[in-house]
N, C-alpha and C. Protein backbone atom coordinates (compact mmCIF):
# COMPACT_ATOMS: atom_id res chain seq x y z
N MET A 1 0.68 -1.37 -0.08
CA MET A 1 0.13 -0.36 0.17
C MET A 1 1.10 1.05 0.52
N ASN A 2 2.00 1.06 0.46
CA ASN A 2 2.87 2.42 0.74
C ASN A 2 3.35 3.14 -0.53
N ARG A 3 3.80 1.38 -1.18
CA ARG A 3 4.19 1.18 -2.28
C ARG A 3 3.54 1.90 -3.61
N SER A 4 2.05 1.79 -3.92
CA SER A 4 0.71 2.77 -4.26
C SER A 4 0.73 4.50 -3.81
N ILE A 5 0.86 4.47 -2.49
CA ILE A 5 0.72 5.84 -2.17
C ILE A 5 2.55 6.70 -2.88
N ALA A 6 3.26 6.29 -2.49
CA ALA A 6 4.37 6.87 -3.36
C ALA A 6 3.83 6.50 -4.25
N LEU A 7 3.73 5.90 -5.50
CA LEU A 7 3.59 6.53 -6.82
C LEU A 7 3.35 7.19 -7.49
N ARG A 8 1.23 7.07 -6.27
CA ARG A 8 0.90 8.48 -6.43
C ARG A 8 1.53 9.72 -6.37
N THR A 9 1.88 9.61 -5.35
CA THR A 9 2.56 11.03 -4.86
C THR A 9 3.85 11.48 -5.80
N ARG A 10 4.56 10.30 -6.59
CA ARG A 10 5.54 10.45 -7.78
C ARG A 10 5.08 11.42 -8.61
N LEU A 11 3.61 10.59 -9.34
CA LEU A 11 3.36 10.93 -10.69
C LEU A 11 2.45 12.33 -10.45
N ALA A 12 2.01 12.65 -9.62
CA ALA A 12 1.47 14.01 -8.82
C ALA A 12 2.01 15.16 -8.31
N VAL A 13 3.02 15.04 -8.11
CA VAL A 13 3.88 15.59 -7.79
C VAL A 13 5.27 16.55 -9.17
N GLY A 14 5.24 14.93 -9.77
CA GLY A 14 6.00 14.61 -11.67
C GLY A 14 4.66 15.91 -12.96
N ALA A 15 3.47 15.39 -12.50
CA ALA A 15 2.60 16.12 -13.33
C ALA A 15 2.39 17.67 -13.23
N SER A 16 3.13 18.16 -11.48
CA SER A 16 2.77 19.47 -11.19
C SER A 16 4.03 19.95 -11.73
N LEU A 17 5.28 19.46 -11.70
CA LEU A 17 6.40 20.09 -12.79
C LEU A 17 6.30 19.97 -14.00
N VAL A 18 5.46 19.49 -14.48
CA VAL A 18 5.38 19.10 -15.93
C VAL A 18 4.17 20.43 -15.99
N VAL A 19 3.24 20.66 -15.54
CA VAL A 19 2.78 21.59 -15.91
C VAL A 19 2.62 23.18 -15.29
N PHE A 20 4.55 23.02 -14.38
CA PHE A 20 4.80 24.35 -14.03
C PHE A 20 5.73 24.89 -14.98
N GLY A 21 5.98 23.88 -15.53
CA GLY A 21 7.64 24.35 -16.44
C GLY A 21 6.54 24.94 -17.90
N LEU A 22 5.41 23.68 -18.35
CA LEU A 22 4.68 24.44 -19.67
C LEU A 22 4.67 25.70 -18.96
N GLY A 23 4.20 26.21 -18.13
CA GLY A 23 3.41 27.26 -17.99
C GLY A 23 4.21 28.85 -18.33
N ALA A 24 5.81 27.57 -17.43
CA ALA A 24 6.92 28.82 -17.61
C ALA A 24 7.32 29.15 -18.90
N ALA A 25 7.56 28.66 -19.41
CA ALA A 25 7.20 28.57 -20.94
C ALA A 25 6.78 28.77 -22.11
N THR A 26 5.46 28.81 -21.28
CA THR A 26 4.52 29.31 -22.35
C THR A 26 4.48 31.50 -22.16
N ALA A 27 4.66 30.77 -20.88
CA ALA A 27 4.88 32.80 -20.24
C ALA A 27 5.82 33.53 -21.00
N VAL A 28 7.14 33.27 -20.99
CA VAL A 28 8.43 33.77 -21.62
C VAL A 28 9.53 33.08 -22.85
N PRO A 29 8.40 33.70 -23.82
CA PRO A 29 8.91 33.61 -25.12
C PRO A 29 10.52 33.82 -24.86
N ALA A 30 10.98 32.58 -26.63
CA ALA A 30 12.31 32.78 -26.50
C ALA A 30 12.65 33.80 -26.61
N THR A 31 11.65 34.31 -27.42
CA THR A 31 11.99 36.10 -28.38
C THR A 31 11.11 36.91 -27.86
N ALA A 32 11.58 37.34 -27.32
CA ALA A 32 10.83 38.52 -26.77
C ALA A 32 11.07 40.10 -26.42
N ALA A 33 9.94 41.10 -27.26
CA ALA A 33 10.39 42.20 -27.48
C ALA A 33 9.89 43.28 -25.74
N THR A 34 11.29 43.70 -25.16
CA THR A 34 10.74 44.68 -23.87
C THR A 34 9.95 45.79 -24.59
N ALA A 35 9.76 46.54 -23.18
CA ALA A 35 9.13 47.53 -23.31
C ALA A 35 9.69 48.56 -23.88
N SER A 36 10.84 48.84 -24.04
CA SER A 36 11.70 49.71 -24.78
C SER A 36 12.17 49.44 -26.30
N GLY A 37 11.42 48.53 -26.35
CA GLY A 37 11.85 47.52 -27.69
C GLY A 37 12.67 46.70 -27.98
N ASP A 38 13.87 46.81 -26.85
CA ASP A 38 14.60 45.92 -27.76
C ASP A 38 14.39 44.48 -27.32
N TYR A 39 15.31 43.23 -28.19
CA TYR A 39 14.78 42.24 -28.51
C TYR A 39 15.73 40.99 -27.36
N CYS A 40 15.48 40.54 -27.24
CA CYS A 40 16.34 39.99 -25.99
C CYS A 40 15.84 38.10 -26.59
N HIS A 41 17.41 37.39 -26.63
CA HIS A 41 17.40 36.24 -26.84
C HIS A 41 18.58 35.58 -26.75
N ALA A 42 18.31 34.83 -26.44
CA ALA A 42 20.30 33.67 -26.20
C ALA A 42 21.03 34.64 -25.48
N GLY A 43 20.85 35.19 -24.90
CA GLY A 43 22.58 36.26 -24.29
C GLY A 43 22.06 38.04 -24.76
N CYS A 44 20.43 38.06 -25.37
CA CYS A 44 20.34 39.59 -25.24
C CYS A 44 21.31 40.30 -26.13
N ARG A 45 20.34 41.12 -27.34
CA ARG A 45 20.77 42.24 -28.53
C ARG A 45 19.80 43.21 -28.35
N THR A 46 20.37 44.70 -28.93
CA THR A 46 19.40 45.70 -28.34
C THR A 46 18.79 45.50 -30.25
N THR A 47 19.32 44.85 -30.90
CA THR A 47 18.49 45.38 -32.12
C THR A 47 17.95 43.61 -32.82
N PRO A 48 16.49 44.44 -33.55
CA PRO A 48 15.88 43.06 -33.76
C PRO A 48 17.05 42.54 -35.08
N PRO A 49 17.10 41.03 -35.38
CA PRO A 49 18.06 40.42 -35.96
C PRO A 49 18.14 41.48 -37.24
N GLY A 50 19.16 41.09 -38.05
CA GLY A 50 18.78 42.15 -39.36
C GLY A 50 19.29 43.46 -39.50
N ASP A 51 19.10 43.73 -38.53
CA ASP A 51 19.21 45.92 -38.47
C ASP A 51 20.70 45.97 -38.83
N GLY A 52 22.00 44.84 -38.35
CA GLY A 52 23.08 45.58 -38.40
C GLY A 52 23.77 45.44 -38.93
N VAL A 53 23.01 45.10 -40.34
CA VAL A 53 23.22 44.79 -41.87
C VAL A 53 24.21 46.08 -42.44
N ARG A 54 24.85 45.85 -42.88
CA ARG A 54 25.49 47.66 -43.57
C ARG A 54 25.08 47.91 -44.64
N GLY A 55 24.74 49.16 -45.61
CA GLY A 55 23.64 49.75 -46.43
C GLY A 55 24.75 48.86 -48.01
N ASP A 56 25.85 48.86 -48.17
CA ASP A 56 26.05 47.60 -49.53
C ASP A 56 26.33 46.75 -49.56
N ASN A 57 25.22 46.15 -48.67
CA ASN A 57 25.12 44.41 -48.87
C ASN A 57 23.94 44.16 -48.95
N VAL A 58 23.54 45.53 -49.35
CA VAL A 58 21.94 45.61 -49.61
C VAL A 58 21.18 46.07 -50.63
N VAL A 59 20.50 45.02 -51.74
CA VAL A 59 19.94 45.80 -53.11
C VAL A 59 18.93 45.77 -53.35
N THR A 60 18.25 46.93 -53.22
CA THR A 60 17.14 47.69 -53.58
C THR A 60 16.82 47.28 -54.63
N THR A 61 15.53 46.77 -55.04
CA THR A 61 14.79 46.50 -56.33
C THR A 61 13.29 46.91 -56.55
N ASN A 62 13.34 48.05 -57.48
CA ASN A 62 11.40 48.19 -58.13
C ASN A 62 10.45 46.91 -58.70
N HIS A 63 9.30 47.57 -58.13
CA HIS A 63 8.51 46.12 -57.92
C HIS A 63 7.19 46.92 -58.84
N LEU A 64 7.05 46.10 -59.90
CA LEU A 64 4.93 46.78 -60.62
C LEU A 64 4.02 46.45 -59.72
N THR A 65 3.83 47.49 -59.04
CA THR A 65 2.63 47.00 -58.40
C THR A 65 1.09 46.43 -58.96
N GLU A 66 0.37 45.50 -58.18
CA GLU A 66 -0.33 44.92 -58.30
C GLU A 66 -1.54 45.48 -59.52
N GLU A 67 -1.51 47.51 -58.86
CA GLU A 67 -3.11 47.80 -59.31
C GLU A 67 -2.55 47.61 -61.00
N ALA A 68 -1.03 48.38 -61.46
CA ALA A 68 -0.51 48.69 -62.68
C ALA A 68 -0.53 47.10 -63.51
N ALA A 69 -0.46 45.88 -63.10
CA ALA A 69 -0.66 44.90 -64.05
C ALA A 69 -1.46 44.80 -63.67
N VAL A 70 -2.59 44.70 -63.56
CA VAL A 70 -4.12 44.12 -63.56
C VAL A 70 -4.21 45.42 -64.84
N ARG A 71 -4.40 46.83 -64.42
CA ARG A 71 -4.63 47.40 -65.64
C ARG A 71 -3.82 47.43 -66.75
N ALA A 72 -2.51 46.53 -66.98
CA ALA A 72 -1.87 45.99 -68.10
C ALA A 72 -2.28 45.16 -68.77
N ALA A 73 -2.64 44.38 -67.59
CA ALA A 73 -3.35 42.83 -68.01
C ALA A 73 -4.53 42.93 -69.28
N GLN A 74 -5.52 44.11 -68.55
CA GLN A 74 -6.62 44.21 -68.45
C GLN A 74 -6.26 44.88 -70.20
N ALA A 75 -5.78 45.93 -70.37
CA ALA A 75 -5.48 46.82 -71.36
C ALA A 75 -5.49 45.93 -72.85
N ALA A 76 -4.26 44.74 -72.38
CA ALA A 76 -3.79 44.06 -72.84
C ALA A 76 -4.60 42.96 -73.81
N LEU A 77 -5.77 42.14 -72.82
CA LEU A 77 -7.26 41.41 -73.22
C LEU A 77 -8.02 42.06 -74.12
N ASP A 78 -8.04 43.70 -74.13
CA ASP A 78 -9.15 44.34 -74.46
C ASP A 78 -8.33 44.97 -75.65
N ALA A 79 -7.45 44.85 -76.20
CA ALA A 79 -6.98 44.89 -77.25
C ALA A 79 -7.54 43.96 -78.08
N ALA A 80 -7.08 42.73 -77.55
CA ALA A 80 -7.18 41.79 -78.22
C ALA A 80 -8.62 40.75 -78.45
N GLU A 81 -9.40 41.11 -77.55
CA GLU A 81 -11.28 41.18 -77.63
C GLU A 81 -11.33 41.91 -78.82
N ALA A 82 -10.91 43.40 -79.00
CA ALA A 82 -10.85 44.59 -80.13
C ALA A 82 -11.24 44.28 -82.06
N ALA A 83 -10.06 43.15 -81.16
CA ALA A 83 -9.55 42.97 -82.58
C ALA A 83 -10.05 40.75 -82.48
N GLY A 84 -11.11 40.82 -81.71
CA GLY A 84 -11.49 39.44 -82.43
C GLY A 84 -10.47 38.15 -82.04
N GLN A 85 -9.30 38.52 -81.01
CA GLN A 85 -8.56 36.91 -81.01
C GLN A 85 -9.33 36.61 -79.70
N ARG A 86 -9.10 35.45 -79.21
CA ARG A 86 -9.26 34.76 -77.72
C ARG A 86 -7.58 34.55 -77.38
N VAL A 87 -7.11 34.99 -76.93
CA VAL A 87 -5.39 34.95 -75.76
C VAL A 87 -5.88 34.74 -74.11
N SER A 88 -5.49 34.75 -73.76
CA SER A 88 -4.53 34.45 -72.48
C SER A 88 -3.44 35.32 -72.08
N VAL A 89 -3.42 36.47 -70.87
CA VAL A 89 -2.12 37.25 -70.70
C VAL A 89 -2.24 36.62 -69.28
N ALA A 90 -0.58 37.25 -68.86
CA ALA A 90 -0.02 37.17 -67.93
C ALA A 90 1.21 38.28 -67.71
N VAL A 91 1.44 39.03 -66.63
CA VAL A 91 2.19 39.49 -66.39
C VAL A 91 2.79 39.03 -65.13
N VAL A 92 4.36 39.50 -65.09
CA VAL A 92 4.67 38.27 -64.19
C VAL A 92 6.00 39.36 -62.97
N ASP A 93 6.39 39.12 -61.99
CA ASP A 93 7.49 40.05 -61.23
C ASP A 93 8.98 39.21 -61.96
N ARG A 94 9.71 39.49 -62.37
CA ARG A 94 10.84 39.26 -62.51
C ARG A 94 11.65 38.35 -62.44
N ASN A 95 10.77 37.84 -61.31
CA ASN A 95 11.61 36.66 -60.87
C ASN A 95 10.51 35.31 -61.76
N GLY A 96 9.67 35.97 -62.14
CA GLY A 96 8.60 34.63 -62.89
C GLY A 96 7.25 34.60 -62.63
N ASN A 97 7.34 35.08 -60.91
CA ASN A 97 5.77 34.57 -59.92
C ASN A 97 4.77 35.78 -60.95
N ALA A 98 4.02 34.56 -60.53
CA ALA A 98 3.26 35.47 -61.68
C ALA A 98 1.82 37.19 -60.72
N ILE A 99 1.52 37.95 -61.30
CA ILE A 99 1.57 39.10 -60.46
C ILE A 99 -0.74 39.24 -60.65
N VAL A 100 -0.55 38.94 -62.43
CA VAL A 100 -1.97 37.97 -62.74
C VAL A 100 -2.12 37.57 -63.91
N GLN A 101 -3.11 36.86 -64.04
CA GLN A 101 -3.08 36.08 -64.94
C GLN A 101 -4.32 36.23 -65.08
N LEU A 102 -5.07 36.46 -66.87
CA LEU A 102 -6.30 36.48 -67.25
C LEU A 102 -6.34 35.67 -68.35
N ARG A 103 -7.97 35.08 -68.43
CA ARG A 103 -7.83 34.12 -70.03
C ARG A 103 -9.05 34.69 -70.49
N GLY A 104 -8.60 34.75 -71.28
CA GLY A 104 -10.13 35.78 -71.76
C GLY A 104 -10.83 34.60 -72.27
N ASP A 105 -12.25 34.78 -72.57
CA ASP A 105 -13.45 33.87 -73.00
C ASP A 105 -13.09 33.32 -74.17
N GLY A 106 -13.12 31.38 -74.08
CA GLY A 106 -12.57 30.94 -75.33
C GLY A 106 -11.23 30.86 -75.94
N ALA A 107 -10.18 31.35 -74.93
CA ALA A 107 -8.90 30.99 -75.31
C ALA A 107 -8.49 29.97 -75.52
N GLY A 108 -7.40 29.14 -75.53
CA GLY A 108 -7.13 27.81 -75.81
C GLY A 108 -6.50 27.37 -74.50
N PRO A 109 -6.47 26.56 -73.84
CA PRO A 109 -6.36 25.77 -72.72
C PRO A 109 -4.34 26.12 -72.87
N HIS A 110 -3.86 25.88 -73.73
CA HIS A 110 -2.27 26.18 -73.69
C HIS A 110 -1.85 27.80 -73.74
N THR A 111 -2.87 28.26 -74.11
CA THR A 111 -2.37 29.87 -74.03
C THR A 111 -2.04 30.40 -72.33
N TYR A 112 -2.50 29.84 -70.94
CA TYR A 112 -2.83 30.36 -70.04
C TYR A 112 -1.59 29.97 -69.33
N GLU A 113 -0.32 28.80 -69.55
CA GLU A 113 0.58 28.20 -69.61
C GLU A 113 1.51 29.19 -70.46
N SER A 114 1.53 29.83 -71.44
CA SER A 114 2.29 30.16 -72.77
C SER A 114 2.35 31.38 -72.44
N ALA A 115 1.26 32.12 -71.69
CA ALA A 115 1.09 34.00 -72.04
C ALA A 115 2.87 33.92 -70.96
N ARG A 116 1.82 33.11 -69.75
CA ARG A 116 3.29 32.95 -68.41
C ARG A 116 4.37 33.35 -68.60
N LEU A 117 4.73 31.83 -69.75
CA LEU A 117 6.07 31.83 -69.94
C LEU A 117 6.76 33.00 -70.78
N LYS A 118 6.35 33.45 -71.50
CA LYS A 118 6.36 34.25 -72.58
C LYS A 118 7.02 36.15 -71.93
N ALA A 119 6.18 36.07 -70.66
CA ALA A 119 6.36 37.06 -69.80
C ALA A 119 7.97 37.18 -69.07
N TYR A 120 7.96 35.76 -68.82
CA TYR A 120 9.04 35.16 -67.71
C TYR A 120 9.89 35.42 -69.37
N THR A 121 10.22 34.74 -70.22
CA THR A 121 11.25 35.13 -70.87
C THR A 121 11.56 36.21 -71.48
N ALA A 122 10.78 37.28 -71.48
CA ALA A 122 10.72 38.82 -71.89
C ALA A 122 11.50 39.31 -70.20
N ALA A 123 10.89 39.14 -70.04
CA ALA A 123 11.59 39.78 -68.04
C ALA A 123 12.89 39.51 -68.13
N SER A 124 13.37 38.18 -68.08
CA SER A 124 14.51 37.47 -67.80
C SER A 124 15.91 38.02 -68.06
N PHE A 125 15.20 38.29 -69.71
CA PHE A 125 16.64 37.98 -70.74
C PHE A 125 16.36 39.76 -70.98
N ASN A 126 15.68 40.82 -70.66
CA ASN A 126 15.19 41.69 -71.07
C ASN A 126 15.35 42.52 -71.96
N ALA A 127 14.42 41.61 -73.10
CA ALA A 127 13.82 41.68 -74.00
C ALA A 127 12.75 40.68 -74.74
N PRO A 128 12.30 41.47 -76.16
CA PRO A 128 10.91 41.16 -76.78
C PRO A 128 11.39 39.68 -76.97
N THR A 129 10.35 38.77 -76.70
CA THR A 129 10.39 37.32 -77.08
C THR A 129 10.45 36.71 -78.44
N SER A 130 9.83 37.75 -79.37
CA SER A 130 10.56 38.06 -81.10
C SER A 130 11.86 37.95 -81.44
N VAL A 131 12.72 39.27 -80.28
CA VAL A 131 14.19 39.32 -80.46
C VAL A 131 14.46 38.87 -80.73
N LEU A 132 14.04 37.42 -79.50
CA LEU A 132 15.25 36.27 -78.41
C LEU A 132 14.98 35.02 -79.68
N VAL A 133 13.86 35.13 -80.07
CA VAL A 133 13.51 33.71 -81.16
C VAL A 133 15.25 34.43 -82.37
N GLY A 134 15.42 35.00 -82.69
CA GLY A 134 16.78 35.06 -83.40
C GLY A 134 17.50 34.72 -82.48
N ARG A 135 18.16 34.82 -81.80
CA ARG A 135 18.43 34.40 -80.53
C ARG A 135 19.15 32.88 -80.48
N LEU A 136 17.77 32.13 -79.92
CA LEU A 136 17.82 30.83 -79.74
C LEU A 136 18.13 30.44 -81.70
N GLU A 137 18.25 31.04 -82.72
CA GLU A 137 18.90 30.37 -84.27
C GLU A 137 19.85 29.99 -83.23
N GLN A 138 20.83 31.73 -83.49
CA GLN A 138 22.34 31.21 -82.68
C GLN A 138 23.07 30.68 -82.33
N ASN A 139 21.91 30.25 -80.99
CA ASN A 139 22.64 29.63 -79.68
C ASN A 139 20.95 29.15 -79.08
N PRO A 140 21.27 27.81 -79.72
CA PRO A 140 20.01 26.83 -79.89
C PRO A 140 19.92 26.19 -77.90
N THR A 141 20.79 25.95 -77.27
CA THR A 141 20.93 25.92 -75.90
C THR A 141 19.90 27.01 -74.88
N LEU A 142 19.68 28.18 -75.47
CA LEU A 142 19.12 28.69 -74.76
C LEU A 142 17.29 28.35 -74.15
N ALA A 143 17.11 27.35 -75.18
CA ALA A 143 15.57 26.47 -75.70
C ALA A 143 16.24 25.73 -73.85
N ASP A 144 16.88 25.13 -73.36
CA ASP A 144 17.13 24.55 -72.38
C ASP A 144 17.20 24.66 -70.91
N ILE A 145 16.93 26.52 -71.06
CA ILE A 145 16.93 27.15 -69.85
C ILE A 145 15.21 26.68 -69.23
N PRO A 146 15.08 26.08 -67.78
CA PRO A 146 13.88 25.89 -67.61
C PRO A 146 12.88 26.94 -67.32
N GLY A 147 11.63 27.13 -68.18
CA GLY A 147 10.83 27.98 -67.50
C GLY A 147 10.08 29.09 -68.72
N THR A 148 11.14 28.86 -70.03
CA THR A 148 11.52 29.87 -70.59
C THR A 148 10.62 29.30 -72.17
N LEU A 149 10.35 30.26 -73.42
CA LEU A 149 9.60 30.57 -74.09
C LEU A 149 10.04 31.12 -74.86
N PHE A 150 10.67 31.22 -76.43
CA PHE A 150 11.25 31.51 -76.87
C PHE A 150 10.55 31.93 -77.86
N LEU A 151 9.01 32.08 -77.85
CA LEU A 151 8.17 32.59 -79.17
C LEU A 151 7.57 33.98 -78.47
N ALA A 152 7.25 34.37 -79.96
CA ALA A 152 6.80 35.47 -79.44
C ALA A 152 6.22 36.49 -79.08
N GLY A 153 6.23 37.45 -78.29
CA GLY A 153 4.52 37.95 -77.74
C GLY A 153 4.62 38.17 -76.47
N GLY A 154 5.99 37.81 -75.44
CA GLY A 154 6.54 38.56 -74.19
C GLY A 154 7.27 39.76 -74.77
N LEU A 155 6.93 40.95 -73.44
CA LEU A 155 7.40 41.63 -73.10
C LEU A 155 7.90 42.72 -72.26
N PRO A 156 9.52 42.48 -71.87
CA PRO A 156 10.07 43.30 -70.58
C PRO A 156 9.52 44.66 -70.22
N ILE A 157 8.99 44.39 -69.35
CA ILE A 157 7.95 45.96 -68.67
C ILE A 157 9.14 46.31 -67.82
N GLN A 158 9.65 47.88 -68.18
CA GLN A 158 11.00 49.09 -67.51
C GLN A 158 10.85 49.81 -66.59
N TYR A 159 11.60 50.07 -66.18
CA TYR A 159 11.65 51.28 -64.76
C TYR A 159 13.10 51.85 -65.61
N GLN A 160 12.75 53.11 -65.80
CA GLN A 160 14.51 53.17 -65.43
C GLN A 160 15.61 52.81 -66.38
N GLY A 161 15.25 51.74 -68.02
CA GLY A 161 15.73 50.70 -68.13
C GLY A 161 15.85 49.85 -67.67
N THR A 162 15.29 49.65 -66.48
CA THR A 162 15.52 47.94 -65.83
C THR A 162 13.84 46.83 -65.73
N PRO A 163 14.51 45.96 -66.12
CA PRO A 163 13.05 44.64 -66.57
C PRO A 163 12.85 44.35 -64.44
N ILE A 164 11.58 45.36 -64.57
CA ILE A 164 10.80 44.87 -63.14
C ILE A 164 9.50 44.04 -63.53
N ALA A 165 9.95 43.77 -64.33
CA ALA A 165 8.99 42.66 -64.53
C ALA A 165 8.14 41.83 -66.10
N GLY A 166 6.96 41.54 -66.80
CA GLY A 166 7.08 41.21 -67.93
C GLY A 166 5.87 41.11 -68.23
N ILE A 167 5.23 41.40 -69.75
CA ILE A 167 4.55 41.14 -69.74
C ILE A 167 3.46 39.64 -71.23
N GLY A 168 3.15 38.81 -71.00
CA GLY A 168 3.06 37.35 -72.32
C GLY A 168 1.26 37.50 -73.00
N VAL A 169 1.41 37.85 -73.68
CA VAL A 169 -0.26 37.44 -74.50
C VAL A 169 0.07 35.87 -75.79
N ALA A 170 -0.81 35.13 -75.65
CA ALA A 170 -0.57 34.11 -76.08
C ALA A 170 -1.96 33.45 -76.35
N GLY A 171 -2.15 33.14 -77.90
CA GLY A 171 -3.49 32.87 -78.53
C GLY A 171 -3.96 33.35 -79.49
N ALA A 172 -3.42 33.84 -80.14
CA ALA A 172 -3.31 35.10 -81.57
C ALA A 172 -3.03 34.17 -82.25
N PRO A 173 -3.26 33.86 -84.10
CA PRO A 173 -3.02 33.41 -85.20
C PRO A 173 -1.31 33.58 -84.86
N SER A 174 -0.94 34.58 -84.42
CA SER A 174 0.46 35.21 -84.69
C SER A 174 1.40 35.37 -83.52
N GLY A 175 2.64 35.38 -82.90
CA GLY A 175 3.02 35.56 -82.12
C GLY A 175 3.82 36.93 -82.05
N LEU A 176 3.41 37.72 -83.67
CA LEU A 176 3.72 39.41 -83.17
C LEU A 176 2.65 39.41 -83.09
N THR A 177 1.17 39.17 -83.38
CA THR A 177 0.70 39.78 -82.99
C THR A 177 0.20 39.94 -81.56
N ASP A 178 0.26 38.87 -80.74
CA ASP A 178 0.25 38.76 -79.38
C ASP A 178 1.05 39.69 -78.92
N GLU A 179 2.63 40.26 -79.51
CA GLU A 179 3.21 41.17 -79.56
C GLU A 179 2.52 42.39 -79.23
N GLN A 180 1.76 42.69 -80.44
CA GLN A 180 0.92 44.12 -80.20
C GLN A 180 -0.35 44.22 -79.20
N PHE A 181 -0.64 43.16 -78.39
CA PHE A 181 -1.72 43.48 -77.19
C PHE A 181 -0.84 43.49 -76.59
N ALA A 182 0.37 42.50 -75.85
CA ALA A 182 1.16 43.03 -75.35
C ALA A 182 2.09 44.21 -74.85
N GLN A 183 1.51 44.84 -76.02
CA GLN A 183 2.40 46.15 -76.22
C GLN A 183 1.04 47.42 -75.51
N ALA A 184 -0.05 46.69 -75.95
CA ALA A 184 -1.19 47.51 -76.07
C ALA A 184 -1.35 47.58 -74.16
N GLY A 185 -0.62 46.92 -73.49
CA GLY A 185 -0.48 46.86 -71.74
C GLY A 185 0.23 47.32 -71.54
N ILE A 186 0.93 47.45 -72.31
CA ILE A 186 2.95 48.37 -71.30
C ILE A 186 1.93 50.09 -71.32
N ASP A 187 1.56 50.29 -72.78
CA ASP A 187 1.28 51.55 -73.33
C ASP A 187 0.06 51.78 -72.01
N ALA A 188 -0.60 51.47 -71.63
CA ALA A 188 -1.74 51.78 -70.41
C ALA A 188 -1.42 51.93 -69.64
N ILE A 189 0.34 51.10 -69.42
CA ILE A 189 0.89 51.54 -67.69
C ILE A 189 1.86 53.54 -67.97
N SER A 190 2.47 53.46 -68.94
CA SER A 190 3.28 54.56 -69.61
C SER A 190 2.88 55.69 -69.23
N HIS A 191 3.50 56.34 -69.32
CA HIS A 191 3.67 58.39 -69.26
C HIS A 191 2.26 58.55 -69.93
């Protein structure tokens, strides 16, 4: 009997230590801000992590706003529809991430991805994809670069001469016609 009482006592004491330990752990997080805004963790720092990086170790980039991307894509789609063409339009950031994609009524299923790939190719090479088609003839291994599509219809979107995004259109009978629609998109957000 003493043995079962001793076991229950140990379990009760152990449980309360666990509960106390959990309470203490949740009350004081590993990284906490003090009232003065200082950060304290593993040896206390007075500035948030990363705040001490020198400016010459940082690159600032420009990005197309979501609103501008939507206006450009819609203008390109409107131009295509006015010409009786059924296309898809994509606007991507410099890294190829889609900001906005529109698939027009009746556009083929392949046009959605083709528009995105054209936009990324134009942005990453900072050149119209119609120009890049010529480069591909001189250097066929360019086509081996993942995520690129060397068909006319993609244009870089530039800010102060630097590519910040790309717009791609796919679905018209000609890539050069796709490119005209892409240019209508850029015109909608230009001066």
